[in-house]
Amino acid sequence: MRGVLRPRPQPLRPRLPPPRQAPADAPTSSFQLPRRYVTPPQLAGARLVQGLAELAKIARRHARRLIDAGQLRLDAKPTRNLSRRLATGSVLDVLPPHDGIAPPASLPPVELVFEDRWLVALVKPAGMTAAAPRPRGAGELTAGEALAMVLSHRAGRRVDVILVHRLDRPTSGLMLFALHPRAAQGLGRAFQRGAVTKRYLAVVTGDPGPAEVVLDQPVGRDPLTPGRFAVARDGRPARTLVRSLWRQEPYSLVEARPLTGRSHQIRVHLASAGWPIVGDTLYGGASAPRLMLHAWRLALPHPVTGAVLSLRAPAPQDWTAHLGRCGLQLPADG
């Protein structure tokens, strides 16, 4: 139709979004640098977004934003799956990377005395459990969990450790953990055939005498007191060698070498012989700030190479302090 003007088509122009501004509730400056977190057992099984929020102490919306933006690595691998389940030792790295990963403030202290690709030996402090306690205190870690967190943080991925033997909660000293099932099997066989030599230092009341003493008595659960053990006819065979190192009335410093691995074996044997360990009120020992029992030395064949390992954990400061108050001294090689 004449006289009708049609509008000329205009070229399409892309609509640009307005410049992004940081929201008022954006994450704090702690994310301007990379940050590494290691999952504690209390968050095992938690969803990724929940775990990140708890570890970084930020709101979940902030954690979700970081994950959606691809700024998170879980065990060294990128993920945007908000519902991934975490495990003890899972490592969360918040990116972008800069000049290094800052350690979390809550990383537990762990003293290592030996480490290779197969196994680790650490010094367990008195008061730390070897297995998960029931009930578990707030923030409480077992020796294996603390070790896994430290190794995982260093490696940037989850590192699993395998418990191969135990120490009582109040006992300090050497503990072994396997890093590979092959090493765990080899260590288990070494313990079973008696190829592992364990030496403990103990302060006792009484005098075992100058000669080495063999305590050969079966040990079983005390039917009258939960959590306590006793010499019992129907108990499991147990043998402990005891050697006196220093004597100062009324105390003695002894070296105890268990030839079997029964629960509370050294504590039960020494108490039954009339030499209770100082600080062991469960078995009639004199009062002290801590149990005066320390896992001093371990000697064993390497579970893979067969080389002889000779490991030593110097007595901790709280143990040696009370040793001095008892008028005793460590041997020259202690």
Protein backbone atom coordinates (compact mmCIF):
# COMPACT_ATOMS: atom_id res chain seq x y z
CA MET A 1 0.00 0.00 0.00
CA ARG A 2 1.35 3.47 -1.06
CA GLY A 3 2.22 6.11 1.45
CA VAL A 4 2.86 3.65 4.29
CA LEU A 5 6.36 3.89 5.71
CA ARG A 6 7.79 0.77 7.30
CA PRO A 7 10.39 1.13 10.06
CA ARG A 8 13.88 0.22 8.98
CA PRO A 9 15.16 -2.84 10.91
CA GLN A 10 17.86 -2.00 13.42
CA PRO A 11 20.95 -4.16 13.86
CA LEU A 12 20.81 -6.38 16.91
CA ARG A 13 23.11 -5.27 19.69
CA PRO A 14 24.04 -7.58 22.57
CA ARG A 15 22.60 -6.50 25.85
CA LEU A 16 25.49 -6.14 28.27
CA PRO A 17 24.82 -6.87 31.94
CA PRO A 18 25.44 -4.04 34.34
CA PRO A 19 28.81 -4.05 36.05
CA ARG A 20 28.85 -6.56 38.92
CA GLN A 21 29.23 -5.15 42.38
CA ALA A 22 30.21 -7.16 45.39
CA PRO A 23 27.12 -7.77 47.50
CA ALA A 24 27.06 -6.38 50.97
CA ASP A 25 27.18 -9.92 52.38
CA ALA A 26 30.11 -11.12 50.25
CA PRO A 27 32.72 -13.42 51.84
CA THR A 28 35.35 -11.71 53.91
CA SER A 29 38.89 -10.95 52.83
CA SER A 30 40.09 -14.34 54.09
CA PHE A 31 39.21 -15.64 50.60
CA GLN A 32 41.44 -13.15 48.82
CA LEU A 33 44.22 -15.68 49.35
CA PRO A 34 43.91 -19.43 48.88
CA ARG A 35 42.87 -21.32 51.94
CA ARG A 36 43.07 -25.03 52.76
CA TYR A 37 40.79 -26.87 55.18
CA VAL A 38 40.93 -30.48 56.37
CA THR A 39 37.69 -32.22 57.35
CA PRO A 40 37.59 -33.32 61.01
CA PRO A 41 35.63 -36.43 62.05
CA GLN A 42 32.80 -34.27 63.37
CA LEU A 43 31.97 -33.25 59.78
CA ALA A 44 32.39 -36.69 58.19
CA GLY A 45 29.26 -37.38 56.14
CA ALA A 46 28.30 -33.70 55.84
CA ARG A 47 27.38 -32.21 52.45
CA LEU A 48 30.13 -30.22 50.76
CA VAL A 49 28.33 -26.88 51.08
CA GLN A 50 27.64 -27.49 54.77
CA GLY A 51 31.22 -28.59 55.46
CA LEU A 52 32.76 -25.59 53.70
CA ALA A 53 30.49 -23.22 55.59
CA GLU A 54 31.40 -24.80 58.92
CA LEU A 55 35.15 -24.96 58.25
CA ALA A 56 35.43 -21.45 56.79
CA LYS A 57 32.93 -20.01 59.30
CA ILE A 58 30.85 -18.38 56.58
CA ALA A 59 27.17 -18.48 55.67
CA ARG A 60 26.02 -21.34 53.45
CA ARG A 61 25.06 -18.91 50.69
CA HIS A 62 28.69 -17.77 50.58
CA ALA A 63 29.89 -21.36 50.46
CA ARG A 64 27.41 -22.14 47.67
CA ARG A 65 28.60 -19.12 45.69
CA LEU A 66 32.25 -20.22 45.94
CA ILE A 67 31.40 -23.76 44.84
CA ASP A 68 29.18 -22.58 41.96
CA ALA A 69 31.97 -20.28 40.78
CA GLY A 70 34.40 -23.19 40.53
CA GLN A 71 36.61 -21.83 43.30
CA LEU A 72 36.75 -25.07 45.24
CA ARG A 73 38.92 -28.19 44.95
CA LEU A 74 37.95 -31.32 46.88
CA ASP A 75 40.93 -33.64 47.36
CA ALA A 76 42.76 -31.77 44.55
CA LYS A 77 39.85 -32.19 42.09
CA PRO A 78 37.41 -29.45 40.99
CA THR A 79 33.78 -30.00 41.92
CA ARG A 80 30.53 -28.07 41.80
CA ASN A 81 28.48 -30.80 43.46
CA LEU A 82 27.03 -29.12 46.54
CA SER A 83 25.84 -32.44 47.95
CA ARG A 84 29.10 -34.38 47.79
CA ARG A 85 29.65 -36.11 51.11
CA LEU A 86 32.83 -35.39 53.04
CA ALA A 87 35.02 -37.92 54.83
CA THR A 88 37.49 -37.46 57.67
CA GLY A 89 40.64 -36.01 56.12
CA SER A 90 38.93 -34.67 52.96
CA VAL A 91 40.85 -31.58 51.83
CA LEU A 92 39.01 -28.47 50.66
CA ASP A 93 41.04 -25.82 48.83
CA VAL A 94 39.42 -22.45 48.21
CA LEU A 95 40.81 -20.82 45.06
CA PRO A 96 41.94 -18.92 43.03
CA PRO A 97 45.50 -20.00 43.85
CA HIS A 98 48.02 -17.34 44.73
CA ASP A 99 51.41 -17.79 46.32
CA GLY A 100 50.58 -20.78 48.48
CA ILE A 101 47.98 -22.39 50.66
CA ALA A 102 47.55 -20.99 54.14
CA PRO A 103 47.24 -23.64 56.85
CA PRO A 104 44.07 -23.80 58.93
CA ALA A 105 44.40 -22.48 62.44
CA SER A 106 42.88 -25.66 63.87
CA LEU A 107 45.38 -28.17 62.47
CA PRO A 108 46.28 -30.50 65.37
CA PRO A 109 49.91 -30.82 66.50
CA VAL A 110 51.42 -34.20 65.63
CA GLU A 111 54.99 -35.31 66.42
CA LEU A 112 56.32 -37.74 63.79
CA VAL A 113 59.41 -39.86 64.46
CA PHE A 114 59.39 -41.95 61.26
CA GLU A 115 57.65 -41.75 57.90
CA ASP A 116 57.89 -43.37 54.49
CA ARG A 117 55.34 -44.29 51.83
CA TRP A 118 54.25 -47.38 53.80
CA LEU A 119 53.95 -46.39 57.44
CA VAL A 120 54.21 -43.57 59.98
CA ALA A 121 55.30 -43.59 63.62
CA LEU A 122 54.13 -40.80 65.89
CA VAL A 123 54.31 -39.86 69.56
CA LYS A 124 50.84 -39.99 71.10
CA PRO A 125 50.38 -37.54 73.99
CA ALA A 126 48.78 -38.71 77.21
CA GLY A 127 45.03 -38.06 77.15
CA MET A 128 44.57 -38.75 73.43
CA THR A 129 42.72 -41.91 72.46
CA ALA A 130 43.82 -44.49 69.90
CA ALA A 131 40.22 -45.36 68.95
CA ALA A 132 37.12 -43.19 68.86
CA PRO A 133 35.86 -42.67 72.44
CA ARG A 134 32.22 -42.96 73.48
CA PRO A 135 31.04 -40.39 74.15
CA ARG A 136 33.35 -38.14 72.17
CA GLY A 137 34.20 -34.74 73.60
CA ALA A 138 33.65 -31.60 71.54
CA GLY A 139 36.48 -31.32 69.01
CA GLU A 140 38.20 -34.46 70.33
CA LEU A 141 40.42 -36.30 67.85
CA THR A 142 41.92 -39.76 67.99
CA ALA A 143 45.62 -40.17 67.22
CA GLY A 144 44.77 -41.58 63.78
CA GLU A 145 42.36 -38.75 62.96
CA ALA A 146 44.91 -36.10 63.96
CA LEU A 147 47.55 -37.84 61.83
CA ALA A 148 45.20 -38.13 58.85
CA MET A 149 44.37 -34.42 59.02
CA VAL A 150 48.03 -33.39 59.10
CA LEU A 151 49.03 -35.72 56.24
CA SER A 152 45.98 -34.73 54.19
CA HIS A 153 46.71 -31.03 54.56
CA ARG A 154 50.28 -31.54 53.46
CA ALA A 155 49.36 -33.72 50.46
CA GLY A 156 46.41 -31.61 49.34
CA ARG A 157 44.18 -34.69 49.19
CA ARG A 158 42.62 -37.11 51.62
CA VAL A 159 45.16 -39.51 53.14
CA ASP A 160 43.83 -42.59 54.93
CA VAL A 161 45.77 -44.13 57.81
CA ILE A 162 45.29 -47.63 59.25
CA LEU A 163 45.53 -48.28 63.00
CA VAL A 164 47.63 -51.40 63.69
CA HIS A 165 47.99 -51.31 67.50
CA ARG A 166 46.81 -49.24 70.45
CA LEU A 167 47.89 -47.38 73.55
CA ASP A 168 45.67 -46.63 76.54
CA ARG A 169 44.36 -43.06 76.66
CA PRO A 170 46.54 -42.01 79.67
CA THR A 171 49.70 -43.61 78.20
CA SER A 172 52.03 -41.54 76.02
CA GLY A 173 54.50 -42.76 73.45
CA LEU A 174 55.11 -44.48 70.14
CA MET A 175 52.28 -45.58 67.87
CA LEU A 176 52.44 -47.07 64.37
CA PHE A 177 50.02 -46.42 61.50
CA ALA A 178 50.05 -48.02 58.09
CA LEU A 179 49.53 -45.94 54.95
CA HIS A 180 48.83 -48.92 52.67
CA PRO A 181 46.93 -52.21 53.16
CA ARG A 182 50.07 -54.16 52.27
CA ALA A 183 51.94 -52.46 55.12
CA ALA A 184 49.01 -53.03 57.50
CA GLN A 185 49.04 -56.75 56.73
CA GLY A 186 52.81 -56.96 57.24
CA LEU A 187 52.63 -55.10 60.55
CA GLY A 188 49.76 -57.29 61.71
CA ARG A 189 51.79 -60.44 61.00
CA ALA A 190 54.83 -58.99 62.82
CA PHE A 191 52.77 -58.29 65.95
CA GLN A 192 51.17 -61.74 65.82
CA ARG A 193 54.47 -63.62 65.64
CA GLY A 194 56.11 -61.49 68.33
CA ALA A 195 58.58 -59.79 65.99
CA VAL A 196 57.86 -56.34 67.45
CA THR A 197 59.83 -55.41 70.56
CA LYS A 198 58.02 -52.86 72.74
CA ARG A 199 59.71 -51.15 75.68
CA TYR A 200 57.94 -48.90 78.18
CA LEU A 201 59.21 -46.67 80.96
CA ALA A 202 57.18 -46.71 84.18
CA VAL A 203 57.52 -45.14 87.61
CA VAL A 204 56.21 -47.52 90.27
CA THR A 205 55.87 -47.64 94.01
CA GLY A 206 57.99 -50.46 95.43
CA ASP A 207 61.21 -52.24 94.52
CA PRO A 208 61.30 -54.98 91.85
CA GLY A 209 64.95 -55.66 92.75
CA PRO A 210 68.06 -55.67 90.55
CA ALA A 211 67.29 -58.82 88.55
CA GLU A 212 64.94 -58.94 85.57
CA VAL A 213 61.52 -60.27 86.60
CA VAL A 214 59.15 -62.29 84.43
CA LEU A 215 55.45 -61.66 85.19
CA ASP A 216 53.49 -64.53 83.63
CA GLN A 217 49.82 -64.27 84.55
CA PRO A 218 46.64 -64.39 82.44
CA VAL A 219 44.73 -61.13 82.14
CA GLY A 220 40.98 -60.75 81.72
CA ARG A 221 38.17 -58.30 82.40
CA ASP A 222 37.35 -57.51 86.00
CA PRO A 223 33.76 -58.76 86.45
CA LEU A 224 33.15 -56.27 89.25
CA THR A 225 34.43 -53.05 87.70
CA PRO A 226 33.61 -52.01 84.09
CA GLY A 227 36.67 -50.82 82.18
CA ARG A 228 39.06 -52.54 84.56
CA PHE A 229 41.15 -55.67 83.99
CA ALA A 230 42.68 -58.14 86.44
CA VAL A 231 44.76 -61.27 86.73
CA ALA A 232 42.20 -64.03 86.10
CA ARG A 233 42.38 -67.79 85.67
CA ASP A 234 40.12 -67.66 82.64
CA GLY A 235 41.97 -64.66 81.17
CA ARG A 236 44.22 -64.65 78.12
CA PRO A 237 47.90 -65.61 78.55
CA ALA A 238 50.09 -62.57 79.22
CA ARG A 239 53.82 -62.15 79.89
CA THR A 240 55.78 -59.03 80.82
CA LEU A 241 59.50 -58.63 81.49
CA VAL A 242 60.38 -55.99 84.12
CA ARG A 243 63.84 -54.51 84.73
CA SER A 244 64.69 -51.89 87.36
CA LEU A 245 66.59 -48.84 86.05
CA TRP A 246 66.72 -46.50 89.10
CA ARG A 247 65.66 -46.73 92.71
CA GLN A 248 64.82 -43.94 95.15
CA GLU A 249 62.69 -44.96 98.12
CA PRO A 250 59.74 -45.40 97.83
CA TYR A 251 59.79 -45.29 94.02
CA SER A 252 61.49 -47.16 91.19
CA LEU A 253 61.95 -46.41 87.51
CA VAL A 254 61.46 -49.63 85.54
CA GLU A 255 61.51 -50.76 81.95
CA ALA A 256 58.57 -53.01 81.08
CA ARG A 257 58.66 -55.18 77.98
CA PRO A 258 55.32 -56.84 77.17
CA LEU A 259 55.69 -60.10 75.25
CA THR A 260 51.95 -60.22 74.59
CA GLY A 261 49.47 -57.47 73.86
CA ARG A 262 46.60 -57.64 76.34
CA SER A 263 44.54 -54.62 77.37
CA HIS A 264 46.10 -52.86 80.39
CA GLN A 265 48.65 -55.69 80.57
CA ILE A 266 51.59 -53.73 82.03
CA ARG A 267 49.35 -51.87 84.46
CA VAL A 268 47.68 -55.08 85.70
CA HIS A 269 50.92 -57.07 85.98
CA LEU A 270 52.81 -54.39 87.90
CA ALA A 271 49.90 -53.75 90.27
CA SER A 272 49.44 -57.48 90.85
CA ALA A 273 53.15 -57.83 91.69
CA GLY A 274 52.84 -55.08 94.30
CA TRP A 275 54.41 -52.32 92.20
CA PRO A 276 51.50 -50.14 90.98
CA ILE A 277 52.32 -47.42 88.50
CA VAL A 278 52.34 -43.91 89.93
CA GLY A 279 49.30 -42.00 88.69
CA ASP A 280 47.35 -45.21 87.96
CA THR A 281 44.52 -44.76 90.44
CA LEU A 282 42.47 -47.42 88.62
CA TYR A 283 44.95 -50.03 89.87
CA GLY A 284 45.92 -48.58 93.24
CA GLY A 285 48.76 -46.30 92.15
CA ALA A 286 49.84 -43.19 94.03
CA SER A 287 48.31 -39.88 92.93
CA ALA A 288 50.14 -37.94 90.20
CA PRO A 289 49.30 -35.39 87.47
CA ARG A 290 49.34 -38.18 84.86
CA LEU A 291 49.90 -41.91 84.43
CA MET A 292 53.65 -42.45 84.65
CA LEU A 293 53.78 -44.93 81.76
CA HIS A 294 55.45 -44.06 78.45
CA ALA A 295 55.90 -46.20 75.32
CA TRP A 296 59.60 -45.54 74.92
CA ARG A 297 60.97 -47.74 72.15
CA LEU A 298 59.86 -49.95 69.27
CA ALA A 299 61.99 -52.31 67.20
CA LEU A 300 60.49 -54.21 64.28
CA PRO A 301 61.14 -55.38 60.71
CA HIS A 302 59.84 -53.00 58.06
CA PRO A 303 56.61 -54.58 56.77
CA VAL A 304 57.66 -54.25 53.11
CA THR A 305 61.45 -53.95 52.87
CA GLY A 306 62.31 -56.13 55.88
CA ALA A 307 64.88 -53.61 57.16
CA VAL A 308 65.10 -53.36 60.95
CA LEU A 309 63.46 -50.21 62.33
CA SER A 310 64.57 -48.97 65.74
CA LEU A 311 62.29 -46.15 66.89
CA ARG A 312 62.49 -44.04 70.02
CA ALA A 313 60.24 -41.44 71.64
CA PRO A 314 61.89 -39.32 74.34
CA ALA A 315 59.80 -39.02 77.49
CA PRO A 316 57.55 -35.91 77.40
CA GLN A 317 58.12 -32.93 79.64
CA ASP A 318 55.21 -33.59 82.02
CA TRP A 319 56.45 -37.16 82.52
CA THR A 320 60.09 -36.18 83.18
CA ALA A 321 58.99 -33.36 85.50
CA HIS A 322 57.20 -35.77 87.82
CA LEU A 323 60.05 -38.27 87.48
CA GLY A 324 62.31 -35.62 89.02
CA ARG A 325 59.83 -34.95 91.81
CA CYS A 326 60.05 -38.66 92.65
CA GLY A 327 63.85 -38.33 92.94
CA LEU A 328 64.48 -40.53 89.90
CA GLN A 329 66.54 -40.06 86.75
CA LEU A 330 66.31 -41.33 83.21
CA PRO A 331 69.02 -43.69 81.97
CA ALA A 332 71.77 -42.15 79.85
CA ASP A 333 70.04 -43.19 76.61
CA GLY A 334 66.60 -42.00 77.76
